[in-house]
Structures are given as C-alpha cells and as structure tokens.
Amino acid sequence: MIPLPDPEKKKLFLLDGMALVYRAYFAFSKNPRVNSQGLNTSASFGFTTTLLDLLQKEEPSHIAIAFDTPEPTVRHEEFETYKAHREAMPEDIASALPWIDKLADAFRIPVLKMPGYEADDIIGTLAKQAANQGFEVFMVTPDKDFAQLVTDKVKMYKPARFGNGAEIWGIPQVKERFEIQDPLQVIDILGLWGDQVDNIPGIPGVGEKTAKTLIGQYGSIENLIQHAGELKGKLKEKVTEYADQAMLSKKLATIITDVPVTFDPEELRLEQPDADKITNIFAVLEFRTLAKRVLGEELQVMARQTDNNGSAQTSLFDNDEAGSNDMGLTNLKTLENTKHSYRLVSEPADVKKLADELSALDTFCFDTETT
C-alpha cells in the first residue's frame, strides 16, 4: 500500500487536476491505451501513474486535487472572451473524468472545486495558507503560470515525462527560466506576452523574448507604460496603444490567492487507499500492473478470494501475465494464431515491391532488431 508519513510531517502536494488529465491524455496520443471494452483509458492511466509516483517517491503528508468547474469565473466578468478560443474537450477526456473522480475517492484524496474560480486560484490560496502554517508546499502542474506563486516555502512540481525526472522549480529556477528578479514578475511577462490558450491578449507582436527584455529593464508593466516614451519605433507605438490591454492581461494572468476556502490540515491528511474500491476500478480499467504497485502483498490475498457477484476481482487477477500491460490486449492476434510466412528482401527491386505492397495496406507494422 501507500507509505504513510510521520504524523508531524508537513509536506503538502496540491494537484492541478485538469492540466494533469490533459497532459496524461496527450502523452498517449500516438498510442492510446484502450481496454478490452473499447474504453480509452489514456487519461486515467497517465493520471494514476503520476499520482502513484508522487505518493510513493515524494511521500507527502497532505494532498488534494483541484479541478475547474463549468461555470464562468471572475475572469469572465473582466473579459468576456476569456478562454473563448479553447477547443472543445476531447470526448475521451470527458469520459475519463468520472473515473478520475472515482480514483480520487478510492485513494481517499479530496477533490476541491469552487464555482467562479479556477483550480489555479484554489491551489494558490491553499498554498499561501499552508505555507503560513509552516508547510512545505508543492504545486503539481505543467502550467508555467504557477511560477508566479513560488516562494521559499512554495514550489512548482512538474511531473516526469518521456523518461525524464520530475522538475522542481524554486525561486532560483523561476528567476533563471524567466530572466527576472522576483517570481511575481512572471505575471508582468504573461501580461505582455499573452496566452493563446486562455485567450489573454497581451500586447500584439510582443513575444516571450521581448517580454522578458522589457520586464528585465523596467520591472513591471506599470513602470514600462510610464516610460513608454523611452522606447523606439513600433514597440513604442504598441506599448502606448495597448497599455490598457496589457494591464487587463496582467490581471487575467494573476492567480487569485484569497479564494473563500480554508486550509484544514486534517481534511487533507494522506490516508491509506480503499483497497476494495481500487480493486474494482482497476478491474474495469484493466490496470493490472498498477494494481500490483498499489496493493502489493494484499493483491495476492484478494486474488485468492471467491467473488460471488460476477467478480470484478476475477477479471483483474485471472490471466495476470497476459494482462500485465494494463491494456486488455488478450484478443490481439499473435504468430501462434495467425497464418504467416517469411520472405527475404535483399535487392533494390524487392524493396520497391515491398514498399508498393505496404502502401496499399490500411495498416502494417515493423519489428526491428539490432545487433
């Protein structure tokens, strides 16, 4: 099961739920994970893997997951078209969200939502409150916007990806990444640079490099606007013309840290997962190797139990070796059950003939070997 920390430990992890779900889903975009019932489990699998890595490697004492709600936020009141250009949520992500809610419940991890505010705001508020109570706080997200919240007690935690280890951004890392003197200046850079994903306009024509240069020289958008007369050419014209838009963009990019929510250490304290719920969920999603990571020796006990109800447990534990890839691929064709032949391709003419044959097929695959 999950190692529980010393009761006196103060190490809080706050997960940016939707950002991690999207990240997990698109990590498998070229090779989606699909169970034997045809359910795309990419988002659920990736999210659960990230969660397990955190629990087992970082050993938090407290944890929560924050999600956005469908309702408009306070930013929409400021800027009606905020996030208006975002593409519709992929259907496979929408179908994964109820499972992720169930997984959070099975792991006994609180899910936090508040109409009118984004997950960023909930995390920012709780991070600030927890830090004031002596907690070491990690904001788990791939979103660069969170860099504005980094302090000596609050850090960004960017989960591992493509074989690389997790990145932890403290004050030095944020200063280096954005070429600034204080993490709060990230807001000024975002205000100038804008954000296409969130439809934050910024100043047209000002990209990341120019934004860093200007904030490095002037320190803030307000000071830049006051000294716009010192600029030259088109840049002077743009800063002057779009000064109000830059100020609005800065406000939109600012993560709110006074959301009406209170950090209660007891409510967010890490608990042991509910083994029965995890067993049943993993059975449906066919997360066999993840079940071994979570349940350990307890898995062997459950595997021997008799289930009288059509057994979700049986589908999880039977034929475990065949299902060890978590994907329910037991119905795929193999060399043993598929007619096949071998042909040596060694001459240029043979290679061309093979290429012509393959180009006429809907699908094919290569198995490459090196010596």
Protein backbone atom coordinates (compact mmCIF):
# COMPACT_ATOMS: atom_id res chain seq x y z
CA MET A 1 0.00 0.00 0.00
CA ILE A 2 1.00 3.67 0.24
CA PRO A 3 3.61 4.60 2.87
CA LEU A 4 2.12 6.91 5.48
CA PRO A 5 4.46 9.64 6.76
CA ASP A 6 5.29 10.76 10.27
CA PRO A 7 2.18 12.45 11.76
CA GLU A 8 4.24 15.57 12.44
CA LYS A 9 5.39 15.91 8.83
CA LYS A 10 4.18 18.98 6.92
CA LYS A 11 4.57 18.28 3.20
CA LEU A 12 1.57 19.28 1.09
CA PHE A 13 1.03 18.39 -2.58
CA LEU A 14 -1.69 20.26 -4.49
CA LEU A 15 -2.51 18.77 -7.89
CA ASP A 16 -3.76 20.82 -10.84
CA GLY A 17 -6.29 18.19 -11.87
CA MET A 18 -7.37 19.19 -15.37
CA ALA A 19 -3.88 20.14 -16.52
CA LEU A 20 -2.60 16.74 -15.42
CA VAL A 21 -5.51 14.95 -17.10
CA TYR A 22 -4.84 16.69 -20.43
CA ARG A 23 -1.12 16.04 -20.10
CA ALA A 24 -1.74 12.35 -19.45
CA TYR A 25 -4.17 12.00 -22.34
CA PHE A 26 -1.93 13.60 -24.95
CA ALA A 27 1.13 11.69 -23.73
CA PHE A 28 -0.55 8.63 -25.26
CA SER A 29 -1.92 10.37 -28.36
CA LYS A 30 0.20 8.29 -30.73
CA ASN A 31 -0.52 5.04 -28.93
CA PRO A 32 -3.78 5.36 -26.97
CA ARG A 33 -4.47 2.93 -24.17
CA VAL A 34 -7.76 1.11 -24.72
CA ASN A 35 -9.21 -1.65 -22.57
CA SER A 36 -10.93 -4.77 -23.89
CA GLN A 37 -14.32 -3.00 -23.79
CA GLY A 38 -13.10 -0.23 -26.10
CA LEU A 39 -12.79 2.41 -23.37
CA ASN A 40 -9.92 4.85 -23.90
CA THR A 41 -8.04 4.80 -20.59
CA SER A 42 -5.09 7.02 -21.55
CA ALA A 43 -6.05 9.93 -19.29
CA SER A 44 -6.99 7.71 -16.34
CA PHE A 45 -3.86 5.60 -16.64
CA GLY A 46 -1.48 8.55 -17.01
CA PHE A 47 -3.11 10.46 -14.17
CA THR A 48 -2.98 7.43 -11.87
CA THR A 49 0.66 6.77 -12.75
CA THR A 50 1.58 10.36 -11.89
CA LEU A 51 -0.36 10.11 -8.64
CA LEU A 52 1.37 6.87 -7.65
CA ASP A 53 4.79 8.32 -8.47
CA LEU A 54 4.05 11.23 -6.14
CA LEU A 55 2.73 9.08 -3.33
CA GLN A 56 5.49 6.50 -3.45
CA LYS A 57 8.50 8.68 -4.26
CA GLU A 58 7.71 12.01 -2.60
CA GLU A 59 5.77 10.67 0.41
CA PRO A 60 3.52 13.68 1.05
CA SER A 61 1.83 14.05 4.40
CA HIS A 62 -1.11 16.00 2.93
CA ILE A 63 -2.62 16.06 -0.55
CA ALA A 64 -5.56 17.37 -2.59
CA ILE A 65 -6.64 17.64 -6.22
CA ALA A 66 -8.18 20.86 -7.55
CA PHE A 67 -10.43 20.98 -10.60
CA ASP A 68 -12.15 23.73 -12.57
CA THR A 69 -15.94 23.90 -12.76
CA PRO A 70 -18.06 24.53 -15.88
CA GLU A 71 -19.38 27.84 -14.51
CA PRO A 72 -17.93 31.19 -15.66
CA THR A 73 -15.21 32.61 -13.42
CA VAL A 74 -14.44 36.05 -12.08
CA ARG A 75 -12.11 36.48 -15.06
CA HIS A 76 -15.03 36.18 -17.46
CA GLU A 77 -16.56 39.17 -15.69
CA GLU A 78 -13.41 41.14 -16.53
CA PHE A 79 -13.01 39.80 -20.07
CA GLU A 80 -16.00 38.11 -21.68
CA THR A 81 -13.96 36.15 -24.23
CA TYR A 82 -11.55 34.73 -21.64
CA LYS A 83 -10.69 31.16 -22.76
CA ALA A 84 -13.20 31.56 -25.60
CA HIS A 85 -10.84 30.10 -28.21
CA ARG A 86 -10.25 26.82 -26.41
CA GLU A 87 -11.15 23.73 -28.39
CA ALA A 88 -13.91 21.51 -27.08
CA MET A 89 -12.77 18.88 -24.61
CA PRO A 90 -11.94 15.59 -26.39
CA GLU A 91 -14.68 13.03 -25.81
CA ASP A 92 -12.17 10.53 -24.39
CA ILE A 93 -11.14 13.04 -21.72
CA ALA A 94 -14.76 13.80 -20.85
CA SER A 95 -15.45 10.08 -20.43
CA ALA A 96 -12.35 9.72 -18.24
CA LEU A 97 -13.29 12.42 -15.71
CA PRO A 98 -15.88 10.34 -13.82
CA TRP A 99 -13.29 7.57 -13.49
CA ILE A 100 -10.71 10.02 -12.17
CA ASP A 101 -13.24 11.20 -9.58
CA LYS A 102 -13.75 7.57 -8.58
CA LEU A 103 -9.99 7.02 -8.41
CA ALA A 104 -9.55 10.06 -6.16
CA ASP A 105 -12.29 8.73 -3.90
CA ALA A 106 -10.66 5.29 -3.83
CA PHE A 107 -7.32 6.85 -2.87
CA ARG A 108 -9.17 8.94 -0.28
CA ILE A 109 -7.81 12.17 -1.75
CA PRO A 110 -10.06 15.25 -1.51
CA VAL A 111 -11.19 16.82 -4.79
CA LEU A 112 -11.63 20.58 -4.49
CA LYS A 113 -13.87 22.71 -6.73
CA MET A 114 -15.42 26.15 -6.34
CA PRO A 115 -17.80 27.84 -8.81
CA GLY A 116 -16.49 31.17 -10.01
CA TYR A 117 -12.84 30.24 -9.52
CA GLU A 118 -10.28 28.13 -11.34
CA ALA A 119 -8.22 25.29 -9.92
CA ASP A 120 -5.24 27.67 -10.09
CA ASP A 121 -6.94 30.02 -7.64
CA ILE A 122 -7.82 27.24 -5.19
CA ILE A 123 -4.26 25.96 -5.29
CA GLY A 124 -2.80 29.45 -4.93
CA THR A 125 -4.98 30.21 -1.92
CA LEU A 126 -4.32 26.92 -0.13
CA ALA A 127 -0.60 27.08 -0.91
CA LYS A 128 -0.35 30.52 0.68
CA GLN A 129 -2.32 29.49 3.76
CA ALA A 130 -0.41 26.23 4.20
CA ALA A 131 2.95 27.95 3.85
CA ASN A 132 1.91 30.38 6.58
CA GLN A 133 1.28 27.35 8.79
CA GLY A 134 4.79 26.02 8.24
CA PHE A 135 4.06 23.56 5.43
CA GLU A 136 6.39 22.78 2.56
CA VAL A 137 4.08 23.09 -0.46
CA PHE A 138 4.39 21.59 -3.93
CA MET A 139 2.05 22.67 -6.74
CA VAL A 140 1.88 19.73 -9.15
CA THR A 141 1.31 21.12 -12.63
CA PRO A 142 2.93 21.56 -16.05
CA ASP A 143 1.46 25.10 -16.26
CA LYS A 144 4.08 27.86 -16.28
CA ASP A 145 1.58 30.36 -14.81
CA PHE A 146 2.08 28.83 -11.36
CA ALA A 147 5.66 30.11 -11.31
CA GLN A 148 4.28 33.44 -10.03
CA LEU A 149 3.36 31.72 -6.74
CA VAL A 150 6.79 30.29 -5.97
CA THR A 151 8.34 31.34 -2.65
CA ASP A 152 10.88 29.85 -0.29
CA LYS A 153 8.12 27.52 1.02
CA VAL A 154 6.05 27.02 -2.15
CA LYS A 155 7.49 25.25 -5.19
CA MET A 156 6.30 24.06 -8.57
CA TYR A 157 6.48 20.33 -9.21
CA LYS A 158 6.45 19.41 -12.91
CA PRO A 159 5.87 15.63 -13.16
CA ALA A 160 8.27 13.35 -15.01
CA ARG A 161 7.73 12.97 -18.74
CA PHE A 162 9.27 10.90 -21.54
CA GLY A 163 11.72 9.24 -19.20
CA ASN A 164 12.97 12.48 -17.66
CA GLY A 165 12.73 13.05 -13.93
CA ALA A 166 10.34 15.47 -12.30
CA GLU A 167 11.34 19.15 -12.28
CA ILE A 168 11.07 21.17 -9.10
CA TRP A 169 11.06 24.93 -9.54
CA GLY A 170 12.06 27.02 -6.58
CA ILE A 171 12.92 30.71 -6.66
CA PRO A 172 16.30 30.21 -8.43
CA GLN A 173 14.73 28.11 -11.20
CA VAL A 174 11.93 30.61 -11.82
CA LYS A 175 14.38 33.51 -11.94
CA GLU A 176 16.53 31.65 -14.45
CA ARG A 177 13.63 30.45 -16.61
CA PHE A 178 12.02 33.90 -16.93
CA GLU A 179 15.13 36.07 -16.51
CA ILE A 180 13.58 38.05 -13.67
CA GLN A 181 14.43 39.16 -10.14
CA ASP A 182 11.24 38.03 -8.41
CA PRO A 183 8.73 35.25 -9.25
CA LEU A 184 5.89 37.79 -9.03
CA GLN A 185 7.25 39.35 -12.22
CA VAL A 186 6.04 36.26 -14.09
CA ILE A 187 2.64 38.00 -14.09
CA ASP A 188 4.11 41.01 -15.89
CA ILE A 189 5.75 38.82 -18.52
CA LEU A 190 2.48 36.98 -19.10
CA GLY A 191 0.63 40.29 -19.30
CA LEU A 192 2.86 41.44 -22.16
CA TRP A 193 3.25 38.06 -23.82
CA GLY A 194 -0.37 36.99 -23.53
CA ASP A 195 -1.63 33.42 -23.65
CA GLN A 196 -3.31 31.98 -26.73
CA VAL A 197 -4.71 29.00 -24.82
CA ASP A 198 -6.54 31.21 -22.31
CA ASN A 199 -7.20 33.97 -24.88
CA ILE A 200 -5.28 36.52 -22.82
CA PRO A 201 -4.42 39.15 -25.45
CA GLY A 202 -1.23 40.73 -24.13
CA ILE A 203 0.37 43.27 -26.48
CA PRO A 204 0.21 42.23 -30.16
CA GLY A 205 3.64 41.42 -31.55
CA VAL A 206 5.30 41.07 -28.14
CA GLY A 207 6.53 37.53 -27.62
CA GLU A 208 8.32 35.79 -24.79
CA LYS A 209 11.78 37.16 -25.61
CA THR A 210 10.67 40.80 -25.86
CA ALA A 211 8.51 40.48 -22.74
CA LYS A 212 11.49 39.19 -20.75
CA THR A 213 13.69 42.01 -22.02
CA LEU A 214 11.16 44.71 -21.18
CA ILE A 215 10.39 43.41 -17.68
CA GLY A 216 14.08 42.85 -17.09
CA GLN A 217 14.65 46.52 -17.86
CA TYR A 218 11.54 48.14 -16.37
CA GLY A 219 10.49 45.66 -13.67
CA SER A 220 6.73 45.81 -14.20
CA ILE A 221 4.09 46.64 -16.79
CA GLU A 222 3.09 49.74 -14.85
CA ASN A 223 6.63 51.11 -14.93
CA LEU A 224 7.01 50.15 -18.59
CA ILE A 225 3.89 52.14 -19.50
CA GLN A 226 5.14 55.16 -17.55
CA HIS A 227 8.40 55.04 -19.52
CA ALA A 228 6.93 54.12 -22.91
CA GLY A 229 8.39 57.35 -24.30
CA GLU A 230 11.87 55.85 -23.93
CA LEU A 231 11.06 53.04 -26.36
CA LYS A 232 11.62 53.28 -30.07
CA GLY A 233 9.72 52.57 -33.27
CA LYS A 234 6.86 50.09 -33.43
CA LEU A 235 7.43 48.87 -29.88
CA LYS A 236 6.81 52.37 -28.52
CA GLU A 237 3.60 52.61 -30.55
CA LYS A 238 2.35 49.20 -29.40
CA VAL A 239 3.04 49.74 -25.71
CA THR A 240 1.33 53.12 -25.87
CA GLU A 241 -1.67 51.90 -27.87
CA TYR A 242 -2.23 48.68 -25.93
CA ALA A 243 -1.36 49.88 -22.42
CA ASP A 244 -4.86 49.22 -21.07
CA GLN A 245 -4.94 45.80 -22.71
CA ALA A 246 -1.61 44.92 -21.11
CA MET A 247 -2.93 45.89 -17.68
CA LEU A 248 -6.06 43.81 -18.24
CA SER A 249 -3.94 40.87 -19.39
CA LYS A 250 -1.82 41.13 -16.26
CA LYS A 251 -4.95 40.99 -14.13
CA LEU A 252 -6.26 37.96 -16.05
CA ALA A 253 -2.93 36.17 -15.63
CA THR A 254 -2.79 36.82 -11.88
CA ILE A 255 -3.66 33.76 -9.82
CA ILE A 256 -6.08 34.70 -7.04
CA THR A 257 -4.84 33.84 -3.54
CA ASP A 258 -7.82 34.91 -1.43
CA VAL A 259 -10.49 32.47 -2.60
CA PRO A 260 -13.08 31.82 0.17
CA VAL A 261 -11.60 28.46 1.12
CA THR A 262 -9.74 27.50 4.30
CA PHE A 263 -6.78 25.15 4.57
CA ASP A 264 -7.59 22.44 7.11
CA PRO A 265 -4.62 20.07 7.60
CA GLU A 266 -6.79 17.28 8.95
CA GLU A 267 -9.05 17.28 5.90
CA LEU A 268 -6.09 16.95 3.52
CA ARG A 269 -4.05 14.46 5.54
CA LEU A 270 -2.92 11.46 3.49
CA GLU A 271 -4.77 8.23 4.25
CA GLN A 272 -4.42 4.64 3.12
CA PRO A 273 -6.39 3.94 -0.08
CA ASP A 274 -9.58 1.89 -0.06
CA ALA A 275 -8.26 -1.42 -1.39
CA ASP A 276 -11.68 -2.76 -2.37
CA LYS A 277 -12.60 0.31 -4.41
CA ILE A 278 -9.20 0.37 -6.12
CA THR A 279 -9.51 -3.31 -6.94
CA ASN A 280 -12.89 -2.83 -8.59
CA ILE A 281 -11.91 0.30 -10.53
CA PHE A 282 -8.62 -1.18 -11.72
CA ALA A 283 -10.52 -4.30 -12.80
CA VAL A 284 -12.77 -2.33 -15.13
CA LEU A 285 -9.96 -0.14 -16.45
CA GLU A 286 -7.63 -3.19 -16.63
CA PHE A 287 -4.77 -1.54 -14.76
CA ARG A 288 -3.11 -4.78 -13.70
CA THR A 289 0.47 -3.63 -13.15
CA LEU A 290 -0.76 -0.52 -11.34
CA ALA A 291 -2.77 -2.81 -9.06
CA LYS A 292 0.45 -4.56 -8.10
CA ARG A 293 2.07 -1.22 -7.29
CA VAL A 294 -0.79 -0.15 -5.05
CA LEU A 295 -1.90 -3.36 -3.39
CA GLY A 296 1.39 -5.27 -3.13
CA GLU A 297 1.07 -8.38 -0.97
CA GLU A 298 -2.60 -7.63 -0.36
CA LEU A 299 -3.19 -8.24 -4.06
CA GLN A 300 -2.20 -11.89 -3.63
CA VAL A 301 -4.73 -12.30 -0.82
CA MET A 302 -7.51 -10.70 -2.88
CA ALA A 303 -6.63 -12.84 -5.87
CA ARG A 304 -7.49 -15.95 -3.87
CA GLN A 305 -10.80 -14.62 -2.59
CA THR A 306 -14.01 -16.01 -4.03
CA ASP A 307 -16.24 -13.36 -5.53
CA ASN A 308 -19.90 -14.34 -5.78
CA ASN A 309 -21.08 -11.29 -7.75
CA GLY A 310 -19.77 -11.74 -11.27
CA SER A 311 -16.35 -10.90 -9.93
CA ALA A 312 -14.66 -7.70 -10.90
CA GLN A 313 -11.73 -9.15 -8.93
CA THR A 314 -11.58 -12.21 -11.16
CA SER A 315 -11.26 -10.07 -14.28
CA LEU A 316 -8.42 -8.23 -12.62
CA PHE A 317 -6.39 -11.17 -11.40
CA ASP A 318 -7.13 -14.01 -13.82
CA ASN A 319 -4.62 -14.40 -16.65
CA ASP A 320 -2.49 -11.77 -14.94
CA GLU A 321 0.57 -12.36 -17.06
CA ALA A 322 -1.35 -11.80 -20.28
CA GLY A 323 -2.79 -8.59 -18.86
CA SER A 324 0.39 -7.18 -17.37
CA ASN A 325 0.47 -4.39 -19.94
CA ASP A 326 -2.68 -2.84 -18.38
CA MET A 327 -4.44 -2.72 -21.73
CA GLY A 328 -6.61 -5.81 -22.01
CA LEU A 329 -4.96 -6.99 -25.21
CA THR A 330 -5.74 -10.68 -24.80
CA ASN A 331 -7.75 -10.74 -28.04
CA LEU A 332 -4.97 -9.47 -30.28
CA LYS A 333 -3.65 -11.74 -33.00
CA THR A 334 -0.25 -13.38 -32.48
CA LEU A 335 2.11 -15.57 -34.51
CA GLU A 336 0.54 -18.57 -32.82
CA ASN A 337 -3.00 -17.86 -34.04
CA THR A 338 -2.34 -16.06 -37.35
CA LYS A 339 -1.28 -17.55 -40.67
CA HIS A 340 2.04 -16.06 -41.73
CA SER A 341 5.07 -16.52 -43.97
CA TYR A 342 8.62 -15.20 -44.27
CA ARG A 343 10.32 -13.55 -47.23
CA LEU A 344 13.87 -12.27 -47.59
CA VAL A 345 14.12 -8.76 -49.05
CA SER A 346 17.71 -8.09 -50.10
CA GLU A 347 17.66 -6.50 -53.58
CA PRO A 348 16.55 -2.95 -54.51
CA ALA A 349 13.78 -4.33 -56.73
CA ASP A 350 12.48 -6.43 -53.83
CA VAL A 351 12.50 -3.39 -51.55
CA LYS A 352 10.47 -1.39 -54.08
CA LYS A 353 7.99 -4.23 -54.49
CA LEU A 354 7.57 -4.48 -50.72
CA ALA A 355 7.07 -0.72 -50.44
CA ASP A 356 4.36 -0.84 -53.12
CA GLU A 357 2.59 -3.68 -51.32
CA LEU A 358 2.73 -1.93 -47.95
CA SER A 359 1.46 1.35 -49.37
CA ALA A 360 -1.70 -0.42 -50.48
CA LEU A 361 -2.47 -1.68 -46.97
CA ASP A 362 -4.56 0.11 -44.36
CA THR A 363 -2.17 -0.82 -41.56
CA PHE A 364 1.13 -2.62 -41.09
CA CYS A 365 3.89 -2.74 -38.51
CA PHE A 366 7.64 -3.29 -38.31
CA ASP A 367 9.59 -5.24 -35.72
CA THR A 368 13.19 -4.03 -35.83
CA GLU A 369 16.16 -5.81 -34.31
CA THR A 370 19.70 -4.55 -33.81
CA THR A 371 22.87 -6.49 -33.11
